[in-house]
Amino acid sequence: MGEIFSGLPWWVKWIAVPVIALVVFGGLIASVVGFVIGLLFKALVFVALVGGLIYVVRKFTSSSSSRSDW
């Protein structure tokens, strides 16, 4: 791969090729990044909902057991 770029100017290797790669694969990269961010957001919402559920269940079970002591 190095011999392909050996006779070309530096800007071809460091500017033109990455720009072409972004143009060609930009949609794929954006969809992968969007999928990962969406997955992280859904995981965060899941953790928050499960934590809230555990909090509510523990609050009600502890209050009901304290009522039975009366």
Protein backbone atom coordinates (compact mmCIF):
# COMPACT_ATOMS: atom_id res chain seq x y z
CA MET A 1 0.00 0.00 0.00
CA GLY A 2 2.90 2.36 0.71
CA GLU A 3 4.24 2.04 -2.83
CA ILE A 4 0.92 3.22 -4.23
CA PHE A 5 1.23 6.60 -2.48
CA SER A 6 5.02 6.92 -2.78
CA GLY A 7 5.06 9.15 -5.87
CA LEU A 8 2.11 11.33 -4.91
CA PRO A 9 2.16 14.62 -2.98
CA TRP A 10 1.50 14.61 0.78
CA TRP A 11 -1.89 16.27 0.47
CA VAL A 12 -3.24 13.37 -1.59
CA LYS A 13 -2.49 10.90 1.19
CA TRP A 14 -3.57 13.08 4.13
CA ILE A 15 -6.41 15.19 2.67
CA ALA A 16 -7.84 13.83 -0.59
CA VAL A 17 -8.07 10.14 0.32
CA PRO A 18 -9.80 10.71 3.69
CA VAL A 19 -12.24 13.17 2.09
CA ILE A 20 -13.09 10.65 -0.62
CA ALA A 21 -13.53 7.94 2.03
CA LEU A 22 -15.90 10.20 3.99
CA VAL A 23 -17.91 10.97 0.87
CA VAL A 24 -18.18 7.32 -0.12
CA PHE A 25 -18.72 5.82 3.35
CA GLY A 26 -20.27 8.87 5.06
CA GLY A 27 -23.80 7.49 5.07
CA LEU A 28 -22.63 4.18 6.47
CA ILE A 29 -20.55 5.88 9.16
CA ALA A 30 -23.46 8.17 10.09
CA SER A 31 -25.90 5.27 10.31
CA VAL A 32 -23.52 3.22 12.49
CA VAL A 33 -22.89 6.18 14.81
CA GLY A 34 -26.62 6.90 14.97
CA PHE A 35 -27.35 3.26 15.78
CA VAL A 36 -24.75 3.20 18.56
CA ILE A 37 -26.02 6.46 20.08
CA GLY A 38 -29.62 5.20 19.87
CA LEU A 39 -28.63 1.94 21.52
CA LEU A 40 -26.83 3.76 24.34
CA PHE A 41 -29.85 6.02 24.86
CA LYS A 42 -32.21 3.03 25.01
CA ALA A 43 -29.89 1.28 27.48
CA LEU A 44 -29.83 4.42 29.64
CA VAL A 45 -33.64 4.65 29.60
CA PHE A 46 -33.86 0.94 30.46
CA VAL A 47 -31.51 1.32 33.42
CA ALA A 48 -33.43 4.39 34.66
CA LEU A 49 -36.80 2.59 34.39
CA VAL A 50 -35.55 -0.53 36.16
CA GLY A 51 -33.95 1.60 38.88
CA GLY A 52 -37.19 3.53 39.33
CA LEU A 53 -39.19 0.32 39.49
CA ILE A 54 -36.86 -1.14 42.13
CA TYR A 55 -37.09 2.09 44.13
CA VAL A 56 -40.90 2.15 44.02
CA VAL A 57 -41.23 -1.55 44.90
CA ARG A 58 -38.83 -1.24 47.84
CA LYS A 59 -40.59 1.89 49.08
CA PHE A 60 -44.02 0.26 49.00
CA THR A 61 -42.85 -3.05 50.48
CA SER A 62 -41.02 -1.33 53.33
CA SER A 63 -44.01 0.92 54.09
CA SER A 64 -46.44 -2.02 54.02
CA SER A 65 -44.26 -4.06 56.37
CA SER A 66 -44.02 -1.12 58.78
CA ARG A 67 -47.83 -0.80 58.68
CA SER A 68 -48.22 -4.46 59.60
CA ASP A 69 -46.11 -3.88 62.71
CA TRP A 70 -48.86 -1.53 64.01
